[in-house]
C-alpha atoms as a PDB file:
ATOM      1  CA  MET A   1       1.668  -9.380 -14.588  1.00  0.00           C
ATOM      2  CA  SER A   2       2.866  -5.821 -15.151  1.00  0.00           C
ATOM      3  CA  SER A   3       6.225  -4.735 -13.813  1.00  0.00           C
ATOM      4  CA  ILE A   4       6.383  -2.509 -10.748  1.00  0.00           C
ATOM      5  CA  GLN A   5       7.203   0.464 -12.964  1.00  0.00           C
ATOM      6  CA  GLU A   6       4.361  -0.275 -15.399  1.00  0.00           C
ATOM      7  CA  THR A   7       1.860  -0.613 -12.574  1.00  0.00           C
ATOM      8  CA  GLN A   8       2.953   2.701 -11.073  1.00  0.00           C
ATOM      9  CA  ASN A   9       2.754   4.402 -14.479  1.00  0.00           C
ATOM     10  CA  GLN A  10      -0.805   3.073 -14.905  1.00  0.00           C
ATOM     11  CA  ILE A  11      -1.786   4.507 -11.528  1.00  0.00           C
ATOM     12  CA  VAL A  12      -0.268   7.884 -12.409  1.00  0.00           C
ATOM     13  CA  GLU A  13      -2.209   7.913 -15.693  1.00  0.00           C
ATOM     14  CA  GLU A  14      -5.477   6.943 -14.017  1.00  0.00           C
ATOM     15  CA  ILE A  15      -5.255   9.483 -11.211  1.00  0.00           C
ATOM     16  CA  ASN A  16      -3.876  12.350 -13.275  1.00  0.00           C
ATOM     17  CA  ILE A  17      -6.988  12.220 -15.469  1.00  0.00           C
ATOM     18  CA  PHE A  18      -8.565  14.200 -12.649  1.00  0.00           C
ATOM     19  CA  ASP A  19      -7.585  17.857 -12.202  1.00  0.00           C
ATOM     20  CA  ASP A  20      -9.322  18.404  -8.897  1.00  0.00           C
ATOM     21  CA  TRP A  21      -8.067  16.738  -5.711  1.00  0.00           C
ATOM     22  CA  MET A  22     -11.601  16.001  -4.560  1.00  0.00           C
ATOM     23  CA  ASP A  23     -12.078  13.917  -7.718  1.00  0.00           C
ATOM     24  CA  LYS A  24      -8.741  12.184  -7.085  1.00  0.00           C
ATOM     25  CA  TYR A  25      -9.784  11.391  -3.507  1.00  0.00           C
ATOM     26  CA  ASN A  26     -13.095  10.001  -4.759  1.00  0.00           C
ATOM     27  CA  TYR A  27     -11.211   7.775  -7.200  1.00  0.00           C
ATOM     28  CA  ILE A  28      -8.882   6.553  -4.436  1.00  0.00           C
ATOM     29  CA  ILE A  29     -11.930   5.855  -2.249  1.00  0.00           C
ATOM     30  CA  GLU A  30     -13.429   3.783  -5.069  1.00  0.00           C
ATOM     31  CA  LEU A  31     -10.217   1.723  -5.165  1.00  0.00           C
ATOM     32  CA  ALA A  32     -10.814   0.739  -1.543  1.00  0.00           C
ATOM     33  CA  LYS A  33     -13.494  -1.653  -2.808  1.00  0.00           C
ATOM     34  CA  ASP A  34     -10.760  -3.725  -4.522  1.00  0.00           C
ATOM     35  CA  LEU A  35      -8.650  -4.105  -1.390  1.00  0.00           C
ATOM     36  CA  PRO A  36      -7.816  -7.742  -0.567  1.00  0.00           C
ATOM     37  CA  LEU A  37      -9.292  -7.832   2.920  1.00  0.00           C
ATOM     38  CA  ILE A  38      -7.318  -9.068   5.854  1.00  0.00           C
ATOM     39  CA  ASP A  39      -8.538 -12.220   7.584  1.00  0.00           C
ATOM     40  CA  ALA A  40     -10.345 -11.488  10.843  1.00  0.00           C
ATOM     41  CA  GLN A  41      -7.626 -13.328  12.804  1.00  0.00           C
ATOM     42  CA  HIS A  42      -5.150 -10.679  11.626  1.00  0.00           C
ATOM     43  CA  LYS A  43      -7.305  -7.738  12.627  1.00  0.00           C
ATOM     44  CA  THR A  44      -5.564  -7.505  15.982  1.00  0.00           C
ATOM     45  CA  ASN A  45      -3.115  -5.125  17.641  1.00  0.00           C
ATOM     46  CA  GLN A  46      -0.215  -7.273  16.422  1.00  0.00           C
ATOM     47  CA  TYR A  47      -0.983  -6.264  12.818  1.00  0.00           C
ATOM     48  CA  LEU A  48      -2.016  -2.678  13.596  1.00  0.00           C
ATOM     49  CA  ILE A  49       0.242  -0.037  12.043  1.00  0.00           C
ATOM     50  CA  ASP A  50       1.686   2.416  14.571  1.00  0.00           C
ATOM     51  CA  GLY A  51       1.723   6.033  13.462  1.00  0.00           C
ATOM     52  CA  CYS A  52      -1.532   6.024  11.512  1.00  0.00           C
ATOM     53  CA  GLN A  53      -4.308   8.453  12.365  1.00  0.00           C
ATOM     54  CA  SER A  54      -6.866   5.756  11.587  1.00  0.00           C
ATOM     55  CA  LYS A  55      -6.667   2.058  12.319  1.00  0.00           C
ATOM     56  CA  VAL A  56      -4.800   0.108   9.627  1.00  0.00           C
ATOM     57  CA  TRP A  57      -4.028  -3.585   9.733  1.00  0.00           C
ATOM     58  CA  ILE A  58      -1.588  -5.159   7.279  1.00  0.00           C
ATOM     59  CA  ASN A  59      -0.620  -8.787   6.952  1.00  0.00           C
ATOM     60  CA  ALA A  60       1.722 -10.469   4.509  1.00  0.00           C
ATOM     61  CA  ASP A  61       2.208 -14.080   3.543  1.00  0.00           C
ATOM     62  CA  LEU A  62       4.821 -15.690   1.360  1.00  0.00           C
ATOM     63  CA  VAL A  63       3.102 -17.583  -1.462  1.00  0.00           C
ATOM     64  CA  ASP A  64       5.278 -19.256  -4.112  1.00  0.00           C
ATOM     65  CA  GLU A  65       8.205 -17.047  -3.002  1.00  0.00           C
ATOM     66  CA  LYS A  66       6.163 -13.880  -3.582  1.00  0.00           C
ATOM     67  CA  VAL A  67       4.757 -11.533  -0.971  1.00  0.00           C
ATOM     68  CA  HIS A  68       0.981 -11.424  -0.777  1.00  0.00           C
ATOM     69  CA  TYR A  69      -0.518  -8.567   1.262  1.00  0.00           C
ATOM     70  CA  THR A  70      -3.946  -8.182   2.797  1.00  0.00           C
ATOM     71  CA  ALA A  71      -5.148  -5.167   4.753  1.00  0.00           C
ATOM     72  CA  ASP A  72      -8.041  -3.214   6.149  1.00  0.00           C
ATOM     73  CA  SER A  73      -8.684   0.195   7.651  1.00  0.00           C
ATOM     74  CA  ASP A  74     -11.489   1.892   9.503  1.00  0.00           C
ATOM     75  CA  ALA A  75     -11.050   5.006   7.294  1.00  0.00           C
ATOM     76  CA  ILE A  76     -12.153   4.814   3.671  1.00  0.00           C
ATOM     77  CA  ILE A  77      -9.454   7.131   2.234  1.00  0.00           C
ATOM     78  CA  THR A  78      -6.753   5.181   4.072  1.00  0.00           C
ATOM     79  CA  LYS A  79      -8.268   1.974   2.754  1.00  0.00           C
ATOM     80  CA  GLY A  80      -7.972   3.386  -0.779  1.00  0.00           C
ATOM     81  CA  ILE A  81      -4.352   4.397  -0.219  1.00  0.00           C
ATOM     82  CA  ILE A  82      -3.407   0.950   1.059  1.00  0.00           C
ATOM     83  CA  ALA A  83      -5.231  -0.533  -1.948  1.00  0.00           C
ATOM     84  CA  LEU A  84      -2.904   1.524  -4.189  1.00  0.00           C
ATOM     85  CA  LEU A  85       0.169   0.308  -2.314  1.00  0.00           C
ATOM     86  CA  ILE A  86      -0.966  -3.295  -2.512  1.00  0.00           C
ATOM     87  CA  ARG A  87      -1.705  -2.932  -6.223  1.00  0.00           C
ATOM     88  CA  VAL A  88       1.938  -1.999  -6.785  1.00  0.00           C
ATOM     89  CA  MET A  89       3.568  -4.292  -4.218  1.00  0.00           C
ATOM     90  CA  ASN A  90       1.420  -7.426  -4.167  1.00  0.00           C
ATOM     91  CA  ASP A  91       2.723 -10.722  -5.550  1.00  0.00           C
ATOM     92  CA  ARG A  92       6.289  -9.475  -5.997  1.00  0.00           C
ATOM     93  CA  THR A  93       9.452 -11.127  -4.778  1.00  0.00           C
ATOM     94  CA  PRO A  94      10.838  -9.952  -1.452  1.00  0.00           C
ATOM     95  CA  SER A  95      13.985  -8.712  -3.248  1.00  0.00           C
ATOM     96  CA  GLU A  96      11.888  -6.487  -5.511  1.00  0.00           C
ATOM     97  CA  LEU A  97      10.123  -4.956  -2.514  1.00  0.00           C
ATOM     98  CA  VAL A  98      12.927  -4.252  -0.065  1.00  0.00           C
ATOM     99  CA  ASP A  99      14.299  -1.288  -2.030  1.00  0.00           C
ATOM    100  CA  ILE A 100      11.183  -0.434  -4.045  1.00  0.00           C
ATOM    101  CA  ASP A 101      10.904   3.138  -5.304  1.00  0.00           C
ATOM    102  CA  LEU A 102       7.254   4.129  -4.982  1.00  0.00           C
ATOM    103  CA  PHE A 103       7.615   7.083  -7.349  1.00  0.00           C
ATOM    104  CA  PHE A 104       3.908   7.184  -8.145  1.00  0.00           C
ATOM    105  CA  LEU A 105       3.177   8.769  -4.748  1.00  0.00           C
ATOM    106  CA  GLU A 106       5.205  11.847  -5.734  1.00  0.00           C
ATOM    107  CA  GLU A 107       3.946  11.917  -9.315  1.00  0.00           C
ATOM    108  CA  ILE A 108       0.293  11.988  -8.324  1.00  0.00           C
ATOM    109  CA  GLY A 109       1.000  14.523  -5.560  1.00  0.00           C
ATOM    110  CA  LEU A 110      -0.449  12.349  -2.823  1.00  0.00           C
ATOM    111  CA  LYS A 111       2.042  13.238  -0.096  1.00  0.00           C
ATOM    112  CA  GLU A 112       1.478  16.980  -0.533  1.00  0.00           C
ATOM    113  CA  ASN A 113      -2.282  16.541  -0.394  1.00  0.00           C
ATOM    114  CA  LEU A 114      -2.473  14.512   2.789  1.00  0.00           C
ATOM    115  CA  SER A 115      -2.696  15.917   6.272  1.00  0.00           C
ATOM    116  CA  PRO A 116       0.571  15.572   8.219  1.00  0.00           C
ATOM    117  CA  ASN A 117      -0.946  12.724  10.286  1.00  0.00           C
ATOM    118  CA  ARG A 118      -2.071  10.839   7.164  1.00  0.00           C
ATOM    119  CA  ALA A 119       1.333  11.426   5.523  1.00  0.00           C
ATOM    120  CA  ASN A 120       3.016   9.927   8.605  1.00  0.00           C
ATOM    121  CA  GLY A 121       0.624   7.000   8.393  1.00  0.00           C
ATOM    122  CA  LEU A 122       1.524   6.471   4.735  1.00  0.00           C
ATOM    123  CA  VAL A 123       5.198   6.284   5.645  1.00  0.00           C
ATOM    124  CA  ALA A 124       4.398   3.826   8.457  1.00  0.00           C
ATOM    125  CA  MET A 125       2.371   1.595   6.089  1.00  0.00           C
ATOM    126  CA  ILE A 126       5.174   1.520   3.520  1.00  0.00           C
ATOM    127  CA  LYS A 127       7.743   0.807   6.231  1.00  0.00           C
ATOM    128  CA  GLN A 128       5.726  -2.150   7.544  1.00  0.00           C
ATOM    129  CA  MET A 129       5.219  -3.579   4.052  1.00  0.00           C
ATOM    130  CA  LYS A 130       8.962  -3.340   3.376  1.00  0.00           C
ATOM    131  CA  LEU A 131       9.724  -4.960   6.750  1.00  0.00           C
ATOM    132  CA  TYR A 132       7.561  -7.933   5.805  1.00  0.00           C
ATOM    133  CA  ALA A 133       9.479  -8.182   2.519  1.00  0.00           C
ATOM    134  CA  LEU A 134      12.822  -7.982   4.323  1.00  0.00           C
ATOM    135  CA  ALA A 135      11.782 -10.744   6.739  1.00  0.00           C
ATOM    136  CA  PHE A 136      10.749 -12.979   3.823  1.00  0.00           C
ATOM    137  CA  LYS A 137      13.940 -12.159   1.929  1.00  0.00           C
ATOM    138  CA  THR A 138      15.975 -13.226   4.958  1.00  0.00           C
ATOM    139  CA  LYS A 139      13.875 -16.365   5.392  1.00  0.00           C
ATOM    140  CA  LEU A 140      14.519 -17.309   1.748  1.00  0.00           C
ATOM    141  CA  GLY A 141      18.246 -16.553   2.134  1.00  0.00           C
ATOM    142  CA  GLN A 142      18.226 -14.016  -0.707  1.00  0.00           C
END
């Protein structure tokens, strides 16, 4: 498995092939197809992310001391964005995730090219994913 940094660098390379933001959005939308879907039992208000313009559900499980995320969204672009986050953060140790630097978001210019509501939703998704990691880190006594 690639390191967190290597995975982010790969994403930056892939997305920066495109000059136009419409092409970048289309690529991100395509990534939504690879999203590990959340189990129907987790598609409830308990797993709904507050602060998102669209509905986003995120769940995390601890598997072999690594965090495994699943998610879904009712908006295709948001689904693609969460697929990017999961690609970087999935199957990592809780310690790796608590203070993760998601530099790829800046390098691809995603934050500047989202509406304010979507940017707030991105922050809320990252916060929830880190909270899951922190809870697992505490549970493991790390």
